[in-house]
Amino acid sequence: MKLSYGDKALSIVIYIAFAVLGFTAFYPFWNAGVISLNAGTDTMQGGITFWPRVFSLENYEVVFKDKRLIDGFIISILRTVVGTIGTILATSIFAYSMTKRELMGRKFYMIACIITMYFSGGLIPSYLLIRELGLMNTFWVMVIPGLISIWNMIIFRAFFLGMPAGLEESAKIDGCTNWGVFFRIIFPLSGPVLATLSLFTAVYHWNDWFAPSIYISNVDLLPIQTKLQQILNSNIMNEQMSQIDSSASSHLNKMKSVTTKSLAMATMMVATVPILCVYPFVQKYFVKGVLIGSLKE
């Protein structure tokens, strides 16, 4: 179909608008990377936009020589892996049980779950509950409270209800139990929704810094995002440098160009790039997974 001049002009305006929108979304990340690769003392003069003016890797040397940050990076990886696997398993099992019409009180459970999506007990009751459960200052305080996601449960449930009932019936005829049906039939066929919700859950666990800052006082258990937040709130470089282990301290005398801002940008890049690398591997599942529960013909 031949486009009119008005349609062509509108298309050009739309492309330009999306290009500007994409640039505004991408530029802050690019600028943070540029600052992390620029000498900190030179960055303080301003004017760093698209390219490093004085290229330097000293910021990353400080990050990778700081045992606190490396430990935080390891904690973040462990939390993301364990938390994502645990949340997906617990939420999907819960969602599968909510698809059973023979489940007594199913409507009551659904109403109770939906209420918790809009109303919570608050920060203080949550803190008291975590303390009474003995989860304070432990690794599991970052995993167990988030094992069940009601929003993800609803998406899982909609996906499971869309599967042919004959799959489950034939499996039970062959002798499968409910657990066997779920893990041998339902779960393996849920690739799109599993990939999509796994990514969303992993991003949540990777980016969360608030919960550890409240429930954990042991510095060795803090994820890198919480430590990054502490760096961003620090106004004095010596406060950060004094906590770097002795193996890095002997090297600090050679690093006169590192500042709090440049160190924060380098830490931010180290904390952000790993989770960004996950997206290309699950992108193909987004179209299928995100539309779960939408109208179909």
C-alpha atoms as a PDB file:
ATOM      1  CA  MET A   1       0.000   0.000   0.000  1.00  0.00           C
ATOM      2  CA  LYS A   2       1.367   3.366  -1.040  1.00  0.00           C
ATOM      3  CA  LEU A   3       1.783   5.765   1.856  1.00  0.00           C
ATOM      4  CA  SER A   4       0.676   9.368   1.553  1.00  0.00           C
ATOM      5  CA  TYR A   5       2.993  12.260   2.374  1.00  0.00           C
ATOM      6  CA  GLY A   6       1.097  12.742   5.632  1.00  0.00           C
ATOM      7  CA  ASP A   7       1.689   9.108   6.635  1.00  0.00           C
ATOM      8  CA  LYS A   8       5.379   9.392   5.786  1.00  0.00           C
ATOM      9  CA  ALA A   9       5.714  12.602   7.782  1.00  0.00           C
ATOM     10  CA  LEU A  10       3.950  10.982  10.745  1.00  0.00           C
ATOM     11  CA  SER A  11       6.249   7.949  10.546  1.00  0.00           C
ATOM     12  CA  ILE A  12       9.305  10.217  10.577  1.00  0.00           C
ATOM     13  CA  VAL A  13       7.996  12.079  13.632  1.00  0.00           C
ATOM     14  CA  ILE A  14       7.310   8.780  15.428  1.00  0.00           C
ATOM     15  CA  TYR A  15      10.791   7.430  14.634  1.00  0.00           C
ATOM     16  CA  ILE A  16      12.411  10.636  15.844  1.00  0.00           C
ATOM     17  CA  ALA A  17      10.325  10.623  19.037  1.00  0.00           C
ATOM     18  CA  PHE A  18      11.268   7.014  19.824  1.00  0.00           C
ATOM     19  CA  ALA A  19      14.922   7.715  19.002  1.00  0.00           C
ATOM     20  CA  VAL A  20      14.927  10.628  21.468  1.00  0.00           C
ATOM     21  CA  LEU A  21      13.147   8.509  24.067  1.00  0.00           C
ATOM     22  CA  GLY A  22      15.635   5.674  23.600  1.00  0.00           C
ATOM     23  CA  PHE A  23      18.550   8.089  23.863  1.00  0.00           C
ATOM     24  CA  THR A  24      17.255   9.614  27.100  1.00  0.00           C
ATOM     25  CA  ALA A  25      16.886   6.120  28.564  1.00  0.00           C
ATOM     26  CA  PHE A  26      20.305   4.860  27.447  1.00  0.00           C
ATOM     27  CA  TYR A  27      22.458   7.968  27.960  1.00  0.00           C
ATOM     28  CA  PRO A  28      22.569   7.917  31.804  1.00  0.00           C
ATOM     29  CA  PHE A  29      23.932   4.356  31.706  1.00  0.00           C
ATOM     30  CA  TRP A  30      26.450   5.293  29.007  1.00  0.00           C
ATOM     31  CA  ASN A  31      27.548   8.381  30.946  1.00  0.00           C
ATOM     32  CA  ALA A  32      28.039   6.320  34.110  1.00  0.00           C
ATOM     33  CA  GLY A  33      30.285   3.963  32.148  1.00  0.00           C
ATOM     34  CA  VAL A  34      32.261   6.889  30.716  1.00  0.00           C
ATOM     35  CA  ILE A  35      32.782   8.426  34.166  1.00  0.00           C
ATOM     36  CA  SER A  36      33.901   5.065  35.543  1.00  0.00           C
ATOM     37  CA  LEU A  37      36.595   4.931  32.833  1.00  0.00           C
ATOM     38  CA  ASN A  38      37.742   8.502  33.413  1.00  0.00           C
ATOM     39  CA  ALA A  39      40.203   9.750  36.019  1.00  0.00           C
ATOM     40  CA  GLY A  40      38.202  10.854  39.044  1.00  0.00           C
ATOM     41  CA  THR A  41      40.053  14.122  39.616  1.00  0.00           C
ATOM     42  CA  ASP A  42      39.482  15.072  35.985  1.00  0.00           C
ATOM     43  CA  THR A  43      35.768  14.186  36.257  1.00  0.00           C
ATOM     44  CA  MET A  44      35.413  16.725  39.079  1.00  0.00           C
ATOM     45  CA  GLN A  45      36.120  19.467  36.538  1.00  0.00           C
ATOM     46  CA  GLY A  46      32.936  18.555  34.665  1.00  0.00           C
ATOM     47  CA  GLY A  47      32.313  18.282  30.944  1.00  0.00           C
ATOM     48  CA  ILE A  48      32.415  14.457  30.713  1.00  0.00           C
ATOM     49  CA  THR A  49      29.676  13.493  28.265  1.00  0.00           C
ATOM     50  CA  PHE A  50      30.193  10.799  25.632  1.00  0.00           C
ATOM     51  CA  TRP A  51      33.864   9.787  25.897  1.00  0.00           C
ATOM     52  CA  PRO A  52      36.474   9.603  28.689  1.00  0.00           C
ATOM     53  CA  ARG A  53      38.732  12.653  28.661  1.00  0.00           C
ATOM     54  CA  VAL A  54      41.511  11.062  30.724  1.00  0.00           C
ATOM     55  CA  PHE A  55      41.170   7.296  30.326  1.00  0.00           C
ATOM     56  CA  SER A  56      41.892   5.362  33.514  1.00  0.00           C
ATOM     57  CA  LEU A  57      41.161   1.900  34.934  1.00  0.00           C
ATOM     58  CA  GLU A  58      42.109   2.872  38.478  1.00  0.00           C
ATOM     59  CA  ASN A  59      38.457   3.012  39.567  1.00  0.00           C
ATOM     60  CA  TYR A  60      37.954  -0.633  38.603  1.00  0.00           C
ATOM     61  CA  GLU A  61      41.261  -1.595  40.204  1.00  0.00           C
ATOM     62  CA  VAL A  62      40.021  -0.209  43.520  1.00  0.00           C
ATOM     63  CA  VAL A  63      36.679  -2.028  43.126  1.00  0.00           C
ATOM     64  CA  PHE A  64      38.223  -5.411  42.358  1.00  0.00           C
ATOM     65  CA  LYS A  65      40.859  -5.040  45.070  1.00  0.00           C
ATOM     66  CA  ASP A  66      38.253  -4.179  47.715  1.00  0.00           C
ATOM     67  CA  LYS A  67      37.337  -7.461  49.393  1.00  0.00           C
ATOM     68  CA  ARG A  68      34.113  -5.934  50.753  1.00  0.00           C
ATOM     69  CA  LEU A  69      32.774  -5.242  47.263  1.00  0.00           C
ATOM     70  CA  ILE A  70      33.826  -8.650  45.910  1.00  0.00           C
ATOM     71  CA  ASP A  71      32.091 -10.361  48.856  1.00  0.00           C
ATOM     72  CA  GLY A  72      29.000  -8.270  48.164  1.00  0.00           C
ATOM     73  CA  PHE A  73      29.096  -9.304  44.514  1.00  0.00           C
ATOM     74  CA  ILE A  74      29.211 -12.987  45.518  1.00  0.00           C
ATOM     75  CA  ILE A  75      26.329 -12.509  47.984  1.00  0.00           C
ATOM     76  CA  SER A  76      24.262 -10.843  45.242  1.00  0.00           C
ATOM     77  CA  ILE A  77      24.886 -13.746  42.860  1.00  0.00           C
ATOM     78  CA  LEU A  78      23.967 -16.337  45.508  1.00  0.00           C
ATOM     79  CA  ARG A  79      20.867 -14.410  46.511  1.00  0.00           C
ATOM     80  CA  THR A  80      19.733 -14.015  42.904  1.00  0.00           C
ATOM     81  CA  VAL A  81      20.234 -17.693  42.037  1.00  0.00           C
ATOM     82  CA  VAL A  82      18.776 -19.167  45.240  1.00  0.00           C
ATOM     83  CA  GLY A  83      16.005 -16.578  45.507  1.00  0.00           C
ATOM     84  CA  THR A  84      14.908 -16.945  41.893  1.00  0.00           C
ATOM     85  CA  ILE A  85      14.827 -20.752  41.981  1.00  0.00           C
ATOM     86  CA  GLY A  86      13.027 -20.800  45.330  1.00  0.00           C
ATOM     87  CA  THR A  87      10.481 -18.151  44.355  1.00  0.00           C
ATOM     88  CA  ILE A  88       9.648 -19.745  40.996  1.00  0.00           C
ATOM     89  CA  LEU A  89       9.238 -23.213  42.518  1.00  0.00           C
ATOM     90  CA  ALA A  90       7.161 -22.080  45.512  1.00  0.00           C
ATOM     91  CA  THR A  91       4.988 -19.691  43.494  1.00  0.00           C
ATOM     92  CA  SER A  92       4.351 -22.140  40.644  1.00  0.00           C
ATOM     93  CA  ILE A  93       3.390 -24.946  43.065  1.00  0.00           C
ATOM     94  CA  PHE A  94       1.051 -22.576  44.879  1.00  0.00           C
ATOM     95  CA  ALA A  95      -0.469 -21.443  41.561  1.00  0.00           C
ATOM     96  CA  TYR A  96      -0.973 -25.043  40.411  1.00  0.00           C
ATOM     97  CA  SER A  97      -2.842 -25.860  43.612  1.00  0.00           C
ATOM     98  CA  MET A  98      -5.082 -22.841  43.058  1.00  0.00           C
ATOM     99  CA  THR A  99      -6.206 -24.261  39.706  1.00  0.00           C
ATOM    100  CA  LYS A 100      -7.867 -27.246  41.413  1.00  0.00           C
ATOM    101  CA  ARG A 101     -11.626 -26.867  41.599  1.00  0.00           C
ATOM    102  CA  GLU A 102     -11.791 -29.508  44.319  1.00  0.00           C
ATOM    103  CA  LEU A 103      -9.628 -27.367  46.632  1.00  0.00           C
ATOM    104  CA  MET A 104     -11.801 -26.395  49.608  1.00  0.00           C
ATOM    105  CA  GLY A 105     -11.916 -22.661  50.231  1.00  0.00           C
ATOM    106  CA  ARG A 106     -10.217 -21.798  46.923  1.00  0.00           C
ATOM    107  CA  LYS A 107     -12.189 -18.565  46.496  1.00  0.00           C
ATOM    108  CA  PHE A 108     -11.388 -17.508  50.050  1.00  0.00           C
ATOM    109  CA  TYR A 109      -7.675 -18.124  49.471  1.00  0.00           C
ATOM    110  CA  MET A 110      -7.738 -16.086  46.253  1.00  0.00           C
ATOM    111  CA  ILE A 111      -9.469 -13.165  47.967  1.00  0.00           C
ATOM    112  CA  ALA A 112      -6.984 -13.312  50.842  1.00  0.00           C
ATOM    113  CA  CYS A 113      -4.069 -13.333  48.377  1.00  0.00           C
ATOM    114  CA  ILE A 114      -5.433 -10.408  46.380  1.00  0.00           C
ATOM    115  CA  ILE A 115      -5.924  -8.349  49.555  1.00  0.00           C
ATOM    116  CA  THR A 116      -2.236  -8.752  50.391  1.00  0.00           C
ATOM    117  CA  MET A 117      -1.374  -7.247  46.999  1.00  0.00           C
ATOM    118  CA  TYR A 118      -2.901  -3.928  48.047  1.00  0.00           C
ATOM    119  CA  PHE A 119      -2.483  -3.901  51.832  1.00  0.00           C
ATOM    120  CA  SER A 120       0.507  -4.969  53.894  1.00  0.00           C
ATOM    121  CA  GLY A 121       1.233  -5.050  57.596  1.00  0.00           C
ATOM    122  CA  GLY A 122       3.764  -2.260  57.303  1.00  0.00           C
ATOM    123  CA  LEU A 123       7.477  -1.987  57.908  1.00  0.00           C
ATOM    124  CA  ILE A 124       7.445  -2.213  61.714  1.00  0.00           C
ATOM    125  CA  PRO A 125       5.241  -5.364  61.939  1.00  0.00           C
ATOM    126  CA  SER A 126       7.356  -6.933  59.184  1.00  0.00           C
ATOM    127  CA  TYR A 127      10.528  -6.142  61.121  1.00  0.00           C
ATOM    128  CA  LEU A 128       9.074  -7.637  64.323  1.00  0.00           C
ATOM    129  CA  LEU A 129       7.966 -10.760  62.443  1.00  0.00           C
ATOM    130  CA  ILE A 130      11.391 -11.258  60.860  1.00  0.00           C
ATOM    131  CA  ARG A 131      13.018 -10.836  64.273  1.00  0.00           C
ATOM    132  CA  GLU A 132      10.707 -13.356  65.947  1.00  0.00           C
ATOM    133  CA  LEU A 133      11.350 -15.872  63.157  1.00  0.00           C
ATOM    134  CA  GLY A 134      15.076 -15.634  63.853  1.00  0.00           C
ATOM    135  CA  LEU A 135      15.932 -14.472  60.335  1.00  0.00           C
ATOM    136  CA  MET A 136      17.683 -11.257  61.358  1.00  0.00           C
ATOM    137  CA  ASN A 137      21.273 -10.995  60.172  1.00  0.00           C
ATOM    138  CA  THR A 138      21.102 -14.164  58.074  1.00  0.00           C
ATOM    139  CA  PHE A 139      21.345 -14.846  54.354  1.00  0.00           C
ATOM    140  CA  TRP A 140      17.828 -16.344  54.313  1.00  0.00           C
ATOM    141  CA  VAL A 141      16.185 -13.067  55.281  1.00  0.00           C
ATOM    142  CA  MET A 142      16.769 -12.030  51.653  1.00  0.00           C
ATOM    143  CA  VAL A 143      15.165 -15.207  50.278  1.00  0.00           C
ATOM    144  CA  ILE A 144      12.378 -16.626  52.483  1.00  0.00           C
ATOM    145  CA  PRO A 145      10.135 -13.512  52.832  1.00  0.00           C
ATOM    146  CA  GLY A 146       9.873 -13.253  49.047  1.00  0.00           C
ATOM    147  CA  LEU A 147       9.275 -16.912  48.208  1.00  0.00           C
ATOM    148  CA  ILE A 148       5.635 -16.298  47.258  1.00  0.00           C
ATOM    149  CA  SER A 149       4.729 -13.546  44.788  1.00  0.00           C
ATOM    150  CA  ILE A 150       0.963 -13.121  44.460  1.00  0.00           C
ATOM    151  CA  TRP A 151       1.218 -11.294  41.138  1.00  0.00           C
ATOM    152  CA  ASN A 152       3.398 -14.045  39.700  1.00  0.00           C
ATOM    153  CA  MET A 153       1.040 -16.639  41.160  1.00  0.00           C
ATOM    154  CA  ILE A 154      -1.884 -15.111  39.259  1.00  0.00           C
ATOM    155  CA  ILE A 155       0.123 -15.180  36.016  1.00  0.00           C
ATOM    156  CA  PHE A 156       1.171 -18.796  36.617  1.00  0.00           C
ATOM    157  CA  ARG A 157      -2.416 -19.745  37.413  1.00  0.00           C
ATOM    158  CA  ALA A 158      -3.730 -18.156  34.211  1.00  0.00           C
ATOM    159  CA  PHE A 159      -1.119 -20.048  32.202  1.00  0.00           C
ATOM    160  CA  PHE A 160      -1.889 -23.386  33.864  1.00  0.00           C
ATOM    161  CA  LEU A 161      -5.640 -22.938  33.315  1.00  0.00           C
ATOM    162  CA  GLY A 162      -4.958 -22.415  29.618  1.00  0.00           C
ATOM    163  CA  MET A 163      -3.382 -25.862  29.259  1.00  0.00           C
ATOM    164  CA  PRO A 164      -5.546 -28.680  27.871  1.00  0.00           C
ATOM    165  CA  ALA A 165      -7.225 -30.645  30.657  1.00  0.00           C
ATOM    166  CA  GLY A 166      -6.509 -33.868  28.748  1.00  0.00           C
ATOM    167  CA  LEU A 167      -2.800 -33.617  29.533  1.00  0.00           C
ATOM    168  CA  GLU A 168      -3.399 -34.013  33.240  1.00  0.00           C
ATOM    169  CA  GLU A 169      -6.114 -36.633  32.806  1.00  0.00           C
ATOM    170  CA  SER A 170      -3.962 -38.841  30.566  1.00  0.00           C
ATOM    171  CA  ALA A 171      -1.011 -38.529  32.963  1.00  0.00           C
ATOM    172  CA  LYS A 172      -3.169 -39.628  35.902  1.00  0.00           C
ATOM    173  CA  ILE A 173      -4.498 -42.565  33.880  1.00  0.00           C
ATOM    174  CA  ASP A 174      -0.869 -43.618  33.405  1.00  0.00           C
ATOM    175  CA  GLY A 175      -0.357 -43.547  37.173  1.00  0.00           C
ATOM    176  CA  CYS A 176       1.061 -40.059  37.810  1.00  0.00           C
ATOM    177  CA  THR A 177       0.383 -38.387  41.140  1.00  0.00           C
ATOM    178  CA  ASN A 178      -0.318 -34.669  41.427  1.00  0.00           C
ATOM    179  CA  TRP A 179       3.399 -34.058  42.038  1.00  0.00           C
ATOM    180  CA  GLY A 180       4.272 -36.194  39.030  1.00  0.00           C
ATOM    181  CA  VAL A 181       1.804 -34.336  36.816  1.00  0.00           C
ATOM    182  CA  PHE A 182       3.222 -31.003  37.883  1.00  0.00           C
ATOM    183  CA  PHE A 183       6.936 -31.759  37.567  1.00  0.00           C
ATOM    184  CA  ARG A 184       6.728 -34.081  34.532  1.00  0.00           C
ATOM    185  CA  ILE A 185       3.969 -32.418  32.489  1.00  0.00           C
ATOM    186  CA  ILE A 186       2.952 -28.935  33.626  1.00  0.00           C
ATOM    187  CA  PHE A 187       6.308 -27.487  34.677  1.00  0.00           C
ATOM    188  CA  PRO A 188       8.292 -28.548  31.565  1.00  0.00           C
ATOM    189  CA  LEU A 189       5.579 -27.093  29.275  1.00  0.00           C
ATOM    190  CA  SER A 190       5.662 -23.702  31.023  1.00  0.00           C
ATOM    191  CA  GLY A 191       8.830 -22.443  29.326  1.00  0.00           C
ATOM    192  CA  PRO A 192       7.625 -18.969  28.258  1.00  0.00           C
ATOM    193  CA  VAL A 193       6.087 -17.983  31.579  1.00  0.00           C
ATOM    194  CA  LEU A 194       8.960 -19.557  33.532  1.00  0.00           C
ATOM    195  CA  ALA A 195      11.590 -17.617  31.574  1.00  0.00           C
ATOM    196  CA  THR A 196       9.715 -14.317  31.840  1.00  0.00           C
ATOM    197  CA  LEU A 197       8.905 -14.497  35.540  1.00  0.00           C
ATOM    198  CA  SER A 198      12.362 -15.883  36.346  1.00  0.00           C
ATOM    199  CA  LEU A 199      13.921 -12.817  34.757  1.00  0.00           C
ATOM    200  CA  PHE A 200      11.608 -10.422  36.605  1.00  0.00           C
ATOM    201  CA  THR A 201      12.316 -12.221  39.881  1.00  0.00           C
ATOM    202  CA  ALA A 202      16.079 -12.261  39.256  1.00  0.00           C
ATOM    203  CA  VAL A 203      16.080  -8.520  38.514  1.00  0.00           C
ATOM    204  CA  TYR A 204      14.190  -7.878  41.759  1.00  0.00           C
ATOM    205  CA  HIS A 205      16.643  -9.914  43.839  1.00  0.00           C
ATOM    206  CA  TRP A 206      19.647  -8.402  42.092  1.00  0.00           C
ATOM    207  CA  ASN A 207      18.514  -4.775  42.483  1.00  0.00           C
ATOM    208  CA  ASP A 208      17.048  -4.906  45.991  1.00  0.00           C
ATOM    209  CA  TRP A 209      19.162  -3.026  48.528  1.00  0.00           C
ATOM    210  CA  PHE A 210      16.523  -1.809  50.993  1.00  0.00           C
ATOM    211  CA  ALA A 211      15.642  -5.076  52.757  1.00  0.00           C
ATOM    212  CA  PRO A 212      19.283  -6.036  53.534  1.00  0.00           C
ATOM    213  CA  SER A 213      19.935  -2.531  54.866  1.00  0.00           C
ATOM    214  CA  ILE A 214      17.141  -3.041  57.417  1.00  0.00           C
ATOM    215  CA  TYR A 215      17.509  -6.691  58.399  1.00  0.00           C
ATOM    216  CA  ILE A 216      21.281  -7.205  58.094  1.00  0.00           C
ATOM    217  CA  SER A 217      23.985  -5.484  60.121  1.00  0.00           C
ATOM    218  CA  ASN A 218      26.769  -7.937  59.299  1.00  0.00           C
ATOM    219  CA  VAL A 219      28.813  -6.258  56.556  1.00  0.00           C
ATOM    220  CA  ASP A 220      29.918  -9.633  55.189  1.00  0.00           C
ATOM    221  CA  LEU A 221      26.293 -10.523  54.320  1.00  0.00           C
ATOM    222  CA  LEU A 222      25.388  -7.288  52.546  1.00  0.00           C
ATOM    223  CA  PRO A 223      24.839  -7.561  48.747  1.00  0.00           C
ATOM    224  CA  ILE A 224      26.721  -5.276  46.414  1.00  0.00           C
ATOM    225  CA  GLN A 225      23.658  -3.086  45.798  1.00  0.00           C
ATOM    226  CA  THR A 226      23.440  -2.161  49.478  1.00  0.00           C
ATOM    227  CA  LYS A 227      27.145  -1.415  49.562  1.00  0.00           C
ATOM    228  CA  LEU A 228      26.758   0.678  46.408  1.00  0.00           C
ATOM    229  CA  GLN A 229      24.007   2.657  48.093  1.00  0.00           C
ATOM    230  CA  GLN A 230      26.318   3.266  51.032  1.00  0.00           C
ATOM    231  CA  ILE A 231      29.022   4.507  48.655  1.00  0.00           C
ATOM    232  CA  LEU A 232      26.566   6.846  46.930  1.00  0.00           C
ATOM    233  CA  ASN A 233      25.593   8.292  50.316  1.00  0.00           C
ATOM    234  CA  SER A 234      29.213   8.819  51.323  1.00  0.00           C
ATOM    235  CA  ASN A 235      30.572  12.355  50.961  1.00  0.00           C
ATOM    236  CA  ILE A 236      34.142  11.713  52.069  1.00  0.00           C
ATOM    237  CA  MET A 237      36.454   9.513  50.042  1.00  0.00           C
ATOM    238  CA  ASN A 238      38.540   8.594  53.079  1.00  0.00           C
ATOM    239  CA  GLU A 239      35.513   6.967  54.692  1.00  0.00           C
ATOM    240  CA  GLN A 240      35.383   4.430  51.871  1.00  0.00           C
ATOM    241  CA  MET A 241      39.115   4.053  51.413  1.00  0.00           C
ATOM    242  CA  SER A 242      39.728   3.348  55.090  1.00  0.00           C
ATOM    243  CA  GLN A 243      37.587   0.203  54.838  1.00  0.00           C
ATOM    244  CA  ILE A 244      39.495  -1.301  51.900  1.00  0.00           C
ATOM    245  CA  ASP A 245      41.556  -4.315  52.945  1.00  0.00           C
ATOM    246  CA  SER A 246      45.296  -4.071  53.455  1.00  0.00           C
ATOM    247  CA  SER A 247      46.124  -5.725  50.141  1.00  0.00           C
ATOM    248  CA  ALA A 248      44.482  -2.813  48.339  1.00  0.00           C
ATOM    249  CA  SER A 249      45.760  -0.134  50.733  1.00  0.00           C
ATOM    250  CA  SER A 250      49.363  -0.574  49.625  1.00  0.00           C
ATOM    251  CA  HIS A 251      48.244   0.136  46.078  1.00  0.00           C
ATOM    252  CA  LEU A 252      46.174   3.214  46.926  1.00  0.00           C
ATOM    253  CA  ASN A 253      49.174   5.546  47.009  1.00  0.00           C
ATOM    254  CA  LYS A 254      49.504   5.079  43.277  1.00  0.00           C
ATOM    255  CA  MET A 255      45.834   5.921  42.714  1.00  0.00           C
ATOM    256  CA  LYS A 256      45.586   9.635  43.298  1.00  0.00           C
ATOM    257  CA  SER A 257      42.858  10.154  40.695  1.00  0.00           C
ATOM    258  CA  VAL A 258      40.142   8.029  42.346  1.00  0.00           C
ATOM    259  CA  THR A 259      37.227   9.934  43.885  1.00  0.00           C
ATOM    260  CA  THR A 260      33.970   8.943  45.535  1.00  0.00           C
ATOM    261  CA  LYS A 261      31.968   9.661  42.377  1.00  0.00           C
ATOM    262  CA  SER A 262      34.262   7.729  40.048  1.00  0.00           C
ATOM    263  CA  LEU A 263      34.384   4.807  42.480  1.00  0.00           C
ATOM    264  CA  ALA A 264      30.579   4.836  42.749  1.00  0.00           C
ATOM    265  CA  MET A 265      30.189   4.781  38.947  1.00  0.00           C
ATOM    266  CA  ALA A 266      32.629   1.873  38.613  1.00  0.00           C
ATOM    267  CA  THR A 267      30.797  -0.057  41.338  1.00  0.00           C
ATOM    268  CA  MET A 268      27.488   0.720  39.631  1.00  0.00           C
ATOM    269  CA  MET A 269      28.728  -0.705  36.338  1.00  0.00           C
ATOM    270  CA  VAL A 270      30.026  -3.852  38.039  1.00  0.00           C
ATOM    271  CA  ALA A 271      26.634  -4.269  39.738  1.00  0.00           C
ATOM    272  CA  THR A 272      24.551  -3.573  36.612  1.00  0.00           C
ATOM    273  CA  VAL A 273      26.298  -5.277  33.678  1.00  0.00           C
ATOM    274  CA  PRO A 274      25.852  -8.916  34.887  1.00  0.00           C
ATOM    275  CA  ILE A 275      22.052  -8.711  35.070  1.00  0.00           C
ATOM    276  CA  LEU A 276      21.921  -6.937  31.690  1.00  0.00           C
ATOM    277  CA  CYS A 277      23.741  -9.881  30.121  1.00  0.00           C
ATOM    278  CA  VAL A 278      20.818 -12.143  31.072  1.00  0.00           C
ATOM    279  CA  TYR A 279      18.243 -10.297  28.946  1.00  0.00           C
ATOM    280  CA  PRO A 280      19.373 -11.494  25.467  1.00  0.00           C
ATOM    281  CA  PHE A 281      18.963 -15.124  26.508  1.00  0.00           C
ATOM    282  CA  VAL A 282      15.301 -14.763  27.540  1.00  0.00           C
ATOM    283  CA  GLN A 283      14.177 -12.021  25.167  1.00  0.00           C
ATOM    284  CA  LYS A 284      12.558 -14.528  22.808  1.00  0.00           C
ATOM    285  CA  TYR A 285      10.221 -15.662  25.597  1.00  0.00           C
ATOM    286  CA  PHE A 286       8.922 -12.164  26.386  1.00  0.00           C
ATOM    287  CA  VAL A 287       6.284 -12.021  23.658  1.00  0.00           C
ATOM    288  CA  LYS A 288       4.856 -15.378  24.727  1.00  0.00           C
ATOM    289  CA  GLY A 289       5.283 -14.948  28.453  1.00  0.00           C
ATOM    290  CA  VAL A 290       4.190 -11.363  29.029  1.00  0.00           C
ATOM    291  CA  LEU A 291       0.889 -11.891  27.166  1.00  0.00           C
ATOM    292  CA  ILE A 292      -0.156 -14.772  29.406  1.00  0.00           C
ATOM    293  CA  GLY A 293      -3.772 -14.278  30.400  1.00  0.00           C
ATOM    294  CA  SER A 294      -4.597 -11.879  27.548  1.00  0.00           C
ATOM    295  CA  LEU A 295      -7.442 -12.379  25.115  1.00  0.00           C
ATOM    296  CA  LYS A 296      -6.912 -15.158  22.605  1.00  0.00           C
ATOM    297  CA  GLU A 297      -8.824 -16.297  19.566  1.00  0.00           C
END
